């Protein structure tokens, strides 16, 4: 059956959207000549509009009134041969596409979101292509020139602060890790400008490049793809980028369920406090002094060294 136009309803958040990129790769491989349109949120619009597999990105705001949501949905009716809905909405029914992801979905909450998304397109794609070409993101020539002339060596990229402070790796623990690793590896620290207060004097240590507040999501994707030898991060966007690009990841998990968002790259490792009974709690506030995120620095250091020793010998 020929498919000319595909509509993908992506998740609202950046992290979940990155976890859904393997779905995009499968659809592009199966239907290379189809036009692919992405439904984005305001948060994900720039990210998706710069993806080289996506021809058009249109914004949907979940906060719109019902009437506006219906007008938006009906305006898409009859325009697409296939609708891939990664949000579990009624959109595929409203649009009346010939091919669509299932409406009724029975899956465990413990399944990794990446696998959950892939399962949704199981009947729309074949299993014959094991090695898929991954999508990429269009970066301006000015930015590419800037980062290429920044002359970063292969580095450990670090992002241990989250918008949800409950997921942050404690500053005093991170400083021990950074001081130990910088003796043998170059470190690059990432984050938003507001995160600078969390990192404090760590950013002024030698053999560390401070890019906190100096990158956007497209920059991060480009830098990680070209210069990262390993990623150290909490449950946030960068570990999902590393996982998608199959870069070694050491992910520090506490309050969030590692089974749902853990990295799946070949050389990824999850560190968590198995002795803390309340974790993962999935709560936004902590009444237990953030014990679940107090992962011993030496465990983090040893894990990173072990991965890099093995990775460097096999890569």
Protein backbone atom coordinates (compact mmCIF):
# COMPACT_ATOMS: atom_id res chain seq x y z
CA UNK A 1 0.00 0.00 0.00
CA UNK A 2 1.47 3.34 -1.05
CA UNK A 3 1.83 5.93 1.69
CA UNK A 4 2.33 9.54 0.63
CA UNK A 5 1.66 11.51 3.80
CA UNK A 6 2.41 10.52 7.41
CA UNK A 7 1.39 12.44 10.51
CA UNK A 8 3.20 11.78 13.80
CA UNK A 9 1.74 13.12 17.03
CA UNK A 10 4.85 13.48 19.20
CA UNK A 11 4.93 13.65 23.02
CA UNK A 12 4.76 17.05 24.69
CA UNK A 13 8.14 17.00 26.44
CA UNK A 14 11.61 17.05 24.86
CA UNK A 15 12.83 13.98 26.75
CA UNK A 16 9.91 11.80 25.66
CA UNK A 17 10.21 13.14 22.12
CA UNK A 18 13.84 12.02 21.95
CA UNK A 19 12.78 8.59 23.20
CA UNK A 20 10.33 8.51 20.27
CA UNK A 21 12.93 9.26 17.57
CA UNK A 22 13.47 5.53 16.80
CA UNK A 23 9.84 5.48 15.62
CA UNK A 24 10.64 8.28 13.17
CA UNK A 25 13.67 6.34 11.92
CA UNK A 26 11.59 3.24 11.27
CA UNK A 27 8.92 5.14 9.40
CA UNK A 28 11.50 6.94 7.25
CA UNK A 29 13.16 3.61 6.38
CA UNK A 30 9.82 1.97 5.54
CA UNK A 31 8.35 4.90 3.61
CA UNK A 32 11.37 6.89 2.33
CA UNK A 33 9.37 8.99 -0.14
CA UNK A 34 6.48 9.90 2.15
CA UNK A 35 6.09 13.43 3.48
CA UNK A 36 6.33 13.36 7.27
CA UNK A 37 4.52 15.98 9.34
CA UNK A 38 5.08 16.24 13.09
CA UNK A 39 2.62 17.59 15.62
CA UNK A 40 4.74 19.38 18.22
CA UNK A 41 4.22 21.29 21.43
CA UNK A 42 5.68 24.76 21.97
CA UNK A 43 8.50 23.02 23.88
CA UNK A 44 9.42 20.64 21.07
CA UNK A 45 8.63 22.72 17.99
CA UNK A 46 12.09 24.07 17.20
CA UNK A 47 13.67 20.68 17.89
CA UNK A 48 11.33 18.79 15.57
CA UNK A 49 11.25 21.45 12.86
CA UNK A 50 15.03 21.05 12.47
CA UNK A 51 14.97 17.26 12.17
CA UNK A 52 16.11 16.18 8.70
CA UNK A 53 13.47 13.40 8.46
CA UNK A 54 10.58 15.78 9.19
CA UNK A 55 9.18 17.89 6.35
CA UNK A 56 6.83 20.03 8.44
CA UNK A 57 6.15 20.64 12.13
CA UNK A 58 2.83 22.06 13.33
CA UNK A 59 2.06 23.19 16.86
CA UNK A 60 -0.69 21.79 19.09
CA UNK A 61 -1.19 23.28 22.56
CA UNK A 62 -2.80 20.98 25.12
CA UNK A 63 -4.02 24.10 26.96
CA UNK A 64 -6.19 25.23 24.06
CA UNK A 65 -9.97 25.26 24.71
CA UNK A 66 -11.89 22.23 23.43
CA UNK A 67 -13.33 24.15 20.48
CA UNK A 68 -9.90 25.17 19.21
CA UNK A 69 -8.60 21.61 19.63
CA UNK A 70 -11.49 20.29 17.53
CA UNK A 71 -10.96 22.90 14.80
CA UNK A 72 -7.29 21.94 14.69
CA UNK A 73 -8.03 18.21 14.47
CA UNK A 74 -10.73 18.57 11.82
CA UNK A 75 -8.42 20.76 9.70
CA UNK A 76 -6.16 17.70 9.30
CA UNK A 77 -8.92 15.37 8.19
CA UNK A 78 -8.33 13.57 4.91
CA UNK A 79 -4.78 14.86 4.48
CA UNK A 80 -2.84 11.83 5.73
CA UNK A 81 -2.60 8.19 4.75
CA UNK A 82 -1.11 7.25 8.11
CA UNK A 83 -1.39 8.69 11.61
CA UNK A 84 1.08 7.63 14.28
CA UNK A 85 -0.23 8.80 17.63
CA UNK A 86 2.34 8.65 20.44
CA UNK A 87 -0.02 10.36 22.90
CA UNK A 88 -2.97 7.94 22.84
CA UNK A 89 -5.52 10.54 21.74
CA UNK A 90 -8.59 10.32 19.48
CA UNK A 91 -6.75 12.08 16.67
CA UNK A 92 -6.41 9.00 14.38
CA UNK A 93 -10.18 8.45 14.51
CA UNK A 94 -11.00 12.11 13.87
CA UNK A 95 -8.62 12.30 10.91
CA UNK A 96 -9.92 9.03 9.39
CA UNK A 97 -6.53 7.80 8.20
CA UNK A 98 -6.31 4.47 6.35
CA UNK A 99 -3.41 3.37 8.53
CA UNK A 100 -3.02 4.23 12.19
CA UNK A 101 -1.61 3.18 15.51
CA UNK A 102 -3.98 1.24 17.79
CA UNK A 103 -6.51 3.09 19.92
CA UNK A 104 -6.72 0.47 22.66
CA UNK A 105 -3.33 -0.04 24.30
CA UNK A 106 -2.49 -2.48 27.04
CA UNK A 107 1.06 -2.18 28.29
CA UNK A 108 2.89 -2.23 31.58
CA UNK A 109 3.99 1.04 33.16
CA UNK A 110 7.37 -0.59 33.70
CA UNK A 111 8.20 -0.91 30.00
CA UNK A 112 10.80 1.48 28.61
CA UNK A 113 9.09 4.32 26.74
CA UNK A 114 11.31 3.78 23.71
CA UNK A 115 10.11 0.17 23.44
CA UNK A 116 6.53 1.25 24.08
CA UNK A 117 6.65 3.72 21.19
CA UNK A 118 8.27 1.21 18.84
CA UNK A 119 5.59 -1.36 19.67
CA UNK A 120 2.92 1.10 18.48
CA UNK A 121 4.24 0.97 14.90
CA UNK A 122 4.93 -2.76 14.83
CA UNK A 123 2.13 -3.38 12.34
CA UNK A 124 3.02 -0.34 10.25
CA UNK A 125 6.68 -1.22 9.67
CA UNK A 126 8.63 -4.37 8.91
CA UNK A 127 11.34 -6.01 10.98
CA UNK A 128 13.68 -6.56 8.05
CA UNK A 129 15.87 -3.49 8.61
CA UNK A 130 18.08 -4.10 11.63
CA UNK A 131 20.51 -1.24 10.98
CA UNK A 132 18.49 1.94 10.66
CA UNK A 133 19.82 5.32 9.57
CA UNK A 134 19.25 7.71 12.44
CA UNK A 135 17.75 11.12 11.92
CA UNK A 136 19.87 14.22 12.40
CA UNK A 137 19.26 17.89 13.10
CA UNK A 138 20.01 20.82 10.85
CA UNK A 139 22.46 23.19 12.50
CA UNK A 140 23.31 26.56 11.00
CA UNK A 141 26.66 26.95 9.26
CA UNK A 142 27.57 29.69 11.77
CA UNK A 143 26.97 27.38 14.74
CA UNK A 144 28.72 24.46 13.09
CA UNK A 145 31.74 26.67 12.41
CA UNK A 146 31.70 27.88 16.01
CA UNK A 147 31.64 24.42 17.57
CA UNK A 148 34.09 22.89 15.12
CA UNK A 149 36.56 25.67 15.86
CA UNK A 150 35.99 25.29 19.60
CA UNK A 151 38.37 22.33 19.25
CA UNK A 152 36.87 20.17 21.97
CA UNK A 153 38.74 16.93 22.55
CA UNK A 154 36.74 13.69 23.00
CA UNK A 155 35.13 14.40 26.36
CA UNK A 156 32.89 13.19 29.17
CA UNK A 157 29.75 15.32 28.97
CA UNK A 158 28.20 16.06 32.37
CA UNK A 159 24.64 17.18 33.13
CA UNK A 160 23.71 16.41 36.74
CA UNK A 161 21.07 19.04 37.40
CA UNK A 162 17.41 18.87 36.38
CA UNK A 163 14.46 21.23 36.17
CA UNK A 164 13.06 19.07 38.98
CA UNK A 165 15.59 19.64 41.78
CA UNK A 166 14.64 16.36 43.40
CA UNK A 167 16.62 14.59 40.64
CA UNK A 168 19.84 16.59 41.09
CA UNK A 169 23.03 14.74 41.98
CA UNK A 170 24.36 16.38 45.17
CA UNK A 171 26.92 19.11 44.54
CA UNK A 172 29.45 17.79 47.05
CA UNK A 173 29.28 14.31 45.48
CA UNK A 174 29.61 15.68 41.95
CA UNK A 175 32.66 17.76 42.91
CA UNK A 176 34.45 14.62 44.13
CA UNK A 177 33.63 12.87 40.85
CA UNK A 178 34.80 15.84 38.76
CA UNK A 179 38.06 16.25 40.69
CA UNK A 180 38.89 12.58 40.21
CA UNK A 181 37.93 12.30 36.54
CA UNK A 182 39.57 15.53 35.33
CA UNK A 183 42.98 14.04 36.02
CA UNK A 184 42.56 11.64 33.09
CA UNK A 185 39.61 12.89 31.04
CA UNK A 186 38.39 16.20 29.66
CA UNK A 187 34.96 17.14 31.03
CA UNK A 188 32.27 19.30 29.43
CA UNK A 189 29.52 20.64 31.70
CA UNK A 190 26.10 21.40 30.23
CA UNK A 191 22.97 23.01 31.62
CA UNK A 192 20.83 26.11 31.59
CA UNK A 193 22.14 29.45 32.81
CA UNK A 194 20.16 29.07 36.03
CA UNK A 195 22.13 25.88 36.78
CA UNK A 196 25.37 27.81 37.18
CA UNK A 197 24.64 28.37 40.87
CA UNK A 198 24.32 24.62 41.40
CA UNK A 199 27.69 23.79 39.83
CA UNK A 200 29.49 26.70 41.51
CA UNK A 201 33.29 26.34 41.64
CA UNK A 202 33.27 22.99 39.81
CA UNK A 203 33.10 24.98 36.57
CA UNK A 204 36.42 26.69 37.31
CA UNK A 205 38.40 23.46 37.74
CA UNK A 206 41.15 22.80 35.20
CA UNK A 207 40.53 20.40 32.28
CA UNK A 208 36.84 21.35 32.30
CA UNK A 209 34.93 23.22 29.59
CA UNK A 210 32.02 25.27 30.90
CA UNK A 211 29.13 25.34 28.40
CA UNK A 212 26.44 25.96 31.02
CA UNK A 213 23.88 28.34 29.55
CA UNK A 214 25.76 28.49 26.24
CA UNK A 215 23.90 25.87 24.19
CA UNK A 216 20.45 25.05 22.92
CA UNK A 217 19.10 21.55 22.27
CA UNK A 218 20.39 21.45 18.67
CA UNK A 219 23.86 22.49 19.86
CA UNK A 220 23.81 19.74 22.48
CA UNK A 221 22.83 17.11 19.92
CA UNK A 222 25.64 18.21 17.59
CA UNK A 223 28.26 18.36 20.34
CA UNK A 224 27.32 15.02 21.85
CA UNK A 225 27.27 13.33 18.47
CA UNK A 226 30.72 14.63 17.51
CA UNK A 227 32.66 15.01 20.75
CA UNK A 228 31.20 12.85 23.54
CA UNK A 229 33.01 9.68 24.58
CA UNK A 230 30.63 9.19 27.54
CA UNK A 231 27.74 10.99 29.18
CA UNK A 232 27.21 11.32 32.93
CA UNK A 233 23.76 12.59 33.77
CA UNK A 234 20.65 12.42 35.86
CA UNK A 235 17.26 11.57 34.35
CA UNK A 236 17.15 14.43 31.88
CA UNK A 237 17.39 15.19 28.16
CA UNK A 238 21.10 14.55 27.63
CA UNK A 239 21.02 10.88 28.64
CA UNK A 240 18.25 10.30 26.09
CA UNK A 241 20.33 12.01 23.38
CA UNK A 242 23.30 9.82 24.29
CA UNK A 243 21.15 6.71 24.26
CA UNK A 244 19.71 7.58 20.84
CA UNK A 245 23.19 8.15 19.43
CA UNK A 246 24.45 4.92 21.06
CA UNK A 247 27.06 6.72 23.15
CA UNK A 248 28.08 5.24 26.54
CA UNK A 249 25.90 6.64 29.32
CA UNK A 250 26.13 6.52 33.10
CA UNK A 251 22.67 7.53 34.32
CA UNK A 252 21.96 8.44 37.95
CA UNK A 253 18.41 7.55 38.94
CA UNK A 254 16.52 8.26 42.15
CA UNK A 255 12.89 9.39 42.36
CA UNK A 256 11.97 8.57 38.74
CA UNK A 257 11.37 5.02 37.54
CA UNK A 258 14.48 3.85 35.72
CA UNK A 259 12.50 1.10 34.01
CA UNK A 260 10.58 3.67 31.96
CA UNK A 261 13.30 6.11 30.87
CA UNK A 262 16.63 4.32 31.30
CA UNK A 263 19.17 4.71 28.47
CA UNK A 264 19.40 1.74 26.10
CA UNK A 265 22.70 2.44 24.36
CA UNK A 266 25.08 -0.51 24.15
CA UNK A 267 27.43 0.75 26.87
CA UNK A 268 24.96 2.35 29.26
CA UNK A 269 24.81 1.80 32.99
CA UNK A 270 22.18 2.78 35.57
CA UNK A 271 23.30 3.71 39.07
CA UNK A 272 20.75 3.97 41.88
CA UNK A 273 20.41 3.46 45.61
CA UNK A 274 18.83 0.04 45.91
CA UNK A 275 18.79 0.35 49.71
CA UNK A 276 16.39 3.32 49.72
CA UNK A 277 12.92 1.81 50.03
CA UNK A 278 10.93 4.86 48.97
CA UNK A 279 12.62 5.07 45.56
CA UNK A 280 11.40 5.41 42.92
CA UNK A 281 8.59 7.49 44.39
CA UNK A 282 7.72 9.54 41.25
CA UNK A 283 7.01 12.52 43.52
CA UNK A 284 7.94 16.17 42.98
CA UNK A 285 8.95 16.77 46.61
CA UNK A 286 11.13 14.75 48.99
CA UNK A 287 10.62 14.17 52.69
CA UNK A 288 13.65 11.88 53.04
CA UNK A 289 16.54 14.32 52.54
CA UNK A 290 17.06 13.22 48.91
CA UNK A 291 18.69 9.98 50.05
CA UNK A 292 17.95 8.18 46.78
CA UNK A 293 20.24 10.57 44.86
CA UNK A 294 23.17 10.16 47.24
CA UNK A 295 24.96 7.64 45.04
CA UNK A 296 28.53 7.17 46.32
CA UNK A 297 31.00 9.18 44.20
CA UNK A 298 33.49 6.32 44.09
CA UNK A 299 30.84 4.06 42.56
CA UNK A 300 30.23 6.65 39.85
CA UNK A 301 33.96 7.09 39.20
CA UNK A 302 34.68 3.36 39.03
CA UNK A 303 31.74 2.74 36.70
CA UNK A 304 32.87 5.47 34.29
CA UNK A 305 36.46 4.23 34.25
CA UNK A 306 35.35 0.66 33.69
CA UNK A 307 33.09 1.59 30.78
CA UNK A 308 35.72 3.77 29.12
CA UNK A 309 38.44 1.15 29.53
CA UNK A 310 36.26 -1.43 27.78
CA UNK A 311 34.82 1.04 25.23
CA UNK A 312 38.21 2.44 24.22
CA UNK A 313 39.56 -1.06 23.62
CA UNK A 314 36.62 -2.10 21.42
CA UNK A 315 35.93 1.15 19.55
